[in-house]
N, C-alpha and C. Protein backbone atom coordinates (compact mmCIF):
# COMPACT_ATOMS: atom_id res chain seq x y z
N MET A 1 91.32 46.76 -31.56
CA MET A 1 90.69 46.08 -32.66
C MET A 1 90.44 44.61 -32.34
N ILE A 2 91.42 43.97 -31.73
CA ILE A 2 91.28 42.55 -31.39
C ILE A 2 90.21 42.38 -30.32
N LYS A 3 90.11 43.33 -29.40
CA LYS A 3 89.09 43.24 -28.36
C LYS A 3 87.69 43.33 -28.95
N GLN A 4 87.52 44.17 -29.95
CA GLN A 4 86.21 44.29 -30.59
C GLN A 4 85.83 43.01 -31.33
N ILE A 5 86.79 42.42 -31.99
CA ILE A 5 86.52 41.18 -32.71
C ILE A 5 86.16 40.06 -31.73
N LEU A 6 86.90 39.97 -30.64
CA LEU A 6 86.59 38.96 -29.63
C LEU A 6 85.23 39.21 -29.00
N LEU A 7 84.91 40.46 -28.77
CA LEU A 7 83.60 40.80 -28.20
C LEU A 7 82.48 40.36 -29.14
N TRP A 8 82.61 40.66 -30.43
CA TRP A 8 81.60 40.25 -31.40
C TRP A 8 81.49 38.74 -31.52
N LEU A 9 82.61 38.07 -31.47
CA LEU A 9 82.57 36.60 -31.53
C LEU A 9 81.88 36.01 -30.30
N MET A 10 82.13 36.58 -29.14
CA MET A 10 81.46 36.09 -27.92
C MET A 10 79.97 36.36 -27.98
N ILE A 11 79.58 37.54 -28.45
CA ILE A 11 78.15 37.85 -28.57
C ILE A 11 77.47 36.91 -29.55
N LEU A 12 78.11 36.66 -30.68
CA LEU A 12 77.52 35.77 -31.67
C LEU A 12 77.40 34.34 -31.17
N THR A 13 78.35 33.87 -30.41
CA THR A 13 78.25 32.50 -29.90
C THR A 13 77.21 32.39 -28.80
N VAL A 14 77.03 33.43 -28.01
CA VAL A 14 76.02 33.39 -26.95
C VAL A 14 74.62 33.39 -27.55
N PHE A 15 74.42 34.21 -28.58
CA PHE A 15 73.09 34.33 -29.17
C PHE A 15 72.91 33.46 -30.41
N SER A 16 73.74 32.48 -30.59
CA SER A 16 73.60 31.63 -31.77
C SER A 16 72.66 30.48 -31.45
N GLY A 17 71.40 30.73 -31.58
CA GLY A 17 70.38 29.71 -31.38
C GLY A 17 69.89 29.21 -32.72
N CYS A 18 68.99 28.29 -32.68
CA CYS A 18 68.42 27.74 -33.91
C CYS A 18 67.03 28.34 -34.10
N PHE A 19 66.74 28.74 -35.33
CA PHE A 19 65.43 29.26 -35.67
C PHE A 19 64.56 28.08 -36.12
N ASN A 20 63.46 27.87 -35.42
CA ASN A 20 62.56 26.79 -35.80
C ASN A 20 61.16 27.34 -35.94
N GLU A 21 60.15 26.49 -36.03
CA GLU A 21 58.77 26.92 -36.27
C GLU A 21 58.22 27.79 -35.13
N ARG A 22 58.60 27.49 -33.90
CA ARG A 22 58.00 28.17 -32.75
C ARG A 22 58.81 29.35 -32.26
N GLY A 23 60.09 29.43 -32.60
CA GLY A 23 60.90 30.52 -32.11
C GLY A 23 62.38 30.22 -32.20
N ILE A 24 63.13 30.78 -31.27
CA ILE A 24 64.58 30.58 -31.25
C ILE A 24 64.91 29.71 -30.05
N SER A 25 65.59 28.62 -30.27
CA SER A 25 65.95 27.72 -29.19
C SER A 25 67.38 27.25 -29.38
N MET A 26 67.85 26.45 -28.48
CA MET A 26 69.20 25.91 -28.58
C MET A 26 69.23 24.65 -29.45
N ARG A 27 68.07 24.14 -29.83
CA ARG A 27 67.98 22.95 -30.69
C ARG A 27 67.11 23.27 -31.88
N TYR A 28 67.41 22.68 -33.02
CA TYR A 28 66.59 22.90 -34.20
C TYR A 28 65.24 22.20 -34.08
N TYR A 29 65.25 20.97 -33.59
CA TYR A 29 64.00 20.23 -33.44
C TYR A 29 63.51 20.35 -32.01
N ASN A 30 62.21 20.57 -31.87
CA ASN A 30 61.61 20.64 -30.55
C ASN A 30 61.32 19.23 -30.05
N ASN A 31 61.59 19.00 -28.80
CA ASN A 31 61.24 17.71 -28.20
C ASN A 31 59.83 17.83 -27.65
N CYS A 32 58.87 17.69 -28.53
CA CYS A 32 57.47 17.82 -28.14
C CYS A 32 56.88 16.45 -27.88
N GLU A 33 56.07 16.39 -26.85
CA GLU A 33 55.33 15.16 -26.55
C GLU A 33 53.90 15.37 -27.01
N GLU A 34 53.48 14.59 -27.97
CA GLU A 34 52.13 14.69 -28.52
C GLU A 34 51.34 13.47 -28.11
N SER A 35 50.11 13.69 -27.66
CA SER A 35 49.29 12.55 -27.23
C SER A 35 47.82 12.93 -27.30
N TYR A 36 47.00 11.91 -27.25
CA TYR A 36 45.55 12.06 -27.15
C TYR A 36 45.12 11.48 -25.81
N ASP A 37 44.15 12.14 -25.17
CA ASP A 37 43.65 11.60 -23.91
C ASP A 37 42.50 10.64 -24.20
N SER A 38 41.87 10.15 -23.15
CA SER A 38 40.83 9.13 -23.30
C SER A 38 39.57 9.68 -23.98
N GLN A 39 39.38 11.01 -23.96
CA GLN A 39 38.21 11.60 -24.61
C GLN A 39 38.50 12.02 -26.05
N GLY A 40 39.73 11.83 -26.49
CA GLY A 40 40.07 12.14 -27.87
C GLY A 40 40.64 13.53 -28.09
N TYR A 41 40.95 14.26 -27.01
CA TYR A 41 41.52 15.59 -27.15
C TYR A 41 43.03 15.49 -27.37
N TYR A 42 43.50 16.33 -28.27
CA TYR A 42 44.92 16.34 -28.63
C TYR A 42 45.69 17.24 -27.67
N HIS A 43 46.83 16.76 -27.17
CA HIS A 43 47.69 17.53 -26.27
C HIS A 43 49.10 17.55 -26.84
N LYS A 44 49.72 18.72 -26.76
CA LYS A 44 51.09 18.87 -27.24
C LYS A 44 51.88 19.66 -26.20
N LYS A 45 52.90 19.04 -25.64
CA LYS A 45 53.73 19.69 -24.63
C LYS A 45 55.15 19.79 -25.17
N CYS A 46 55.65 21.03 -25.30
CA CYS A 46 56.97 21.25 -25.88
C CYS A 46 57.89 21.93 -24.87
N ASN A 47 59.18 21.80 -25.11
CA ASN A 47 60.16 22.48 -24.28
C ASN A 47 60.09 23.99 -24.52
N ASP A 48 60.53 24.76 -23.55
CA ASP A 48 60.54 26.21 -23.68
C ASP A 48 61.63 26.65 -24.64
N ASN A 49 61.34 27.69 -25.40
CA ASN A 49 62.32 28.29 -26.29
C ASN A 49 62.92 29.52 -25.64
N ILE A 50 64.02 30.00 -26.20
CA ILE A 50 64.59 31.24 -25.72
C ILE A 50 63.64 32.39 -26.05
N VAL A 51 63.15 32.43 -27.28
CA VAL A 51 62.18 33.43 -27.73
C VAL A 51 61.09 32.69 -28.49
N ASP A 52 59.84 32.92 -28.11
CA ASP A 52 58.71 32.37 -28.85
C ASP A 52 58.15 33.44 -29.76
N TYR A 53 57.79 33.05 -30.99
CA TYR A 53 57.23 34.02 -31.93
C TYR A 53 55.89 34.55 -31.44
N ALA A 54 55.14 33.77 -30.70
CA ALA A 54 53.85 34.24 -30.18
C ALA A 54 54.06 35.39 -29.19
N ASP A 55 55.11 35.32 -28.39
CA ASP A 55 55.40 36.40 -27.46
C ASP A 55 55.79 37.67 -28.20
N VAL A 56 56.52 37.53 -29.28
CA VAL A 56 56.93 38.71 -30.06
C VAL A 56 55.72 39.35 -30.71
N LYS A 57 54.77 38.54 -31.18
CA LYS A 57 53.56 39.08 -31.79
C LYS A 57 52.75 39.87 -30.78
N LYS A 58 52.71 39.42 -29.51
CA LYS A 58 51.97 40.14 -28.48
C LYS A 58 52.57 41.52 -28.22
N ILE A 59 53.88 41.63 -28.32
CA ILE A 59 54.53 42.91 -28.05
C ILE A 59 54.19 43.94 -29.12
N PHE A 60 54.13 43.51 -30.38
CA PHE A 60 53.94 44.44 -31.48
C PHE A 60 52.49 44.66 -31.89
N THR A 61 51.52 44.05 -31.22
CA THR A 61 50.13 44.31 -31.53
C THR A 61 49.66 45.54 -30.76
N PRO A 62 48.84 46.39 -31.37
CA PRO A 62 48.38 47.59 -30.67
C PRO A 62 47.41 47.23 -29.55
N ALA A 63 47.43 48.03 -28.52
CA ALA A 63 46.54 47.79 -27.38
C ALA A 63 45.13 48.25 -27.73
N ASN A 64 44.15 47.44 -27.40
CA ASN A 64 42.75 47.79 -27.67
C ASN A 64 42.17 48.67 -26.58
N ASN A 65 42.66 48.52 -25.38
CA ASN A 65 42.14 49.29 -24.25
C ASN A 65 43.04 50.49 -24.01
N GLU A 66 42.73 51.58 -24.67
CA GLU A 66 43.51 52.79 -24.49
C GLU A 66 42.99 53.55 -23.29
N VAL A 67 43.88 54.14 -22.57
CA VAL A 67 43.50 54.94 -21.41
C VAL A 67 43.30 56.37 -21.88
N SER A 68 42.11 56.88 -21.68
CA SER A 68 41.83 58.26 -22.07
C SER A 68 41.15 58.97 -20.91
N PRO A 69 41.40 60.26 -20.76
CA PRO A 69 40.78 60.99 -19.64
C PRO A 69 39.28 61.15 -19.86
N LYS A 70 38.55 61.12 -18.76
CA LYS A 70 37.10 61.30 -18.84
C LYS A 70 36.79 62.79 -18.95
N VAL A 71 35.86 63.09 -19.80
CA VAL A 71 35.41 64.49 -19.96
C VAL A 71 34.04 64.59 -19.32
N TRP A 72 33.91 65.48 -18.35
CA TRP A 72 32.64 65.62 -17.63
C TRP A 72 31.74 66.58 -18.29
């Protein structure tokens, strides 16, 4: 019983990240560098997250290019 409790505590501490706008990271606030270049284009460079919500959305979207056998 004690081993199971310790195992769960270790798992929870390893996966205890912060949920923010972009995903799950080790920090609540992203250290993003925002700037404009000389032509007026906006650039935003952020640190990598453990899990990005955009990556999760790609996994759960259906594939448009289905492979089907050709019928002659």
